[in-house]
Amino acid sequence: MEYAAIDFETAYWGPGSACSLGISVSNGNEITDEWYRLIRPYRMNFDPICMRVNGIYPDDVEKEPAFPAFWKEVAERLEGSIVFAHNARFDMGVLASVLDVYDLPDIHFLYGDTVAVSRMLWKELPNHKLDTVAGSLGYDFNHHQALDDARACEHEGEAHGAQRRVADGQHVRIGVEQA
């Protein structure tokens, strides 16, 4: 069963704030496709906290294309698929906001939130942040680098077989929704 894991990093708190996106596509056994881009956000008004968290600065993206230049590549990877994100409400909100501010067509897929699944499966963890969950699974990565976060989310999804639950209609209250 093929599925994707995504992660956005943002430049500020607000619409059109995406400054990077990582997508990791898996067949359930191994990663079959990866995609990463720096993105020029809708506004170049970077928040210092966001820069400190993700290490992306205005100089890094000022000459990069805005999201519309990548829409087709993103849609080809996500349309009609199952998509996971760690804290999916955030990533789906970022995606919805860039589609909205640039008046781009919707991308339709089912999505699940690996935070909800990790809370069910690994109750003993002190928290369910991506770096904590991935670390408990022995996965080492560069947290807040969008492609590394997408890979970690894919690894987590593989570890708990969430893609099979979604495909089988066993939502197990993991926040699977139509986007």
Foldseek 3Di string as FASTA:
>chain_A
DKEKEKDFQAFDPDFQGGQKMKMFIDPLPDTDDIDIDGAQGPDQPGDPVSCVQQVDHSVNHVPPYHCVVCVVVVLVRAAAHEYEYAPVVVVVVRVVRNCVVVVHDDGKYKYFHLLLVCCVVPVVFPHSPLVRQLVVVVHDFDPNRTNRRRVSRSVSCSVVVCRVCVVVVNNVPRPIDID
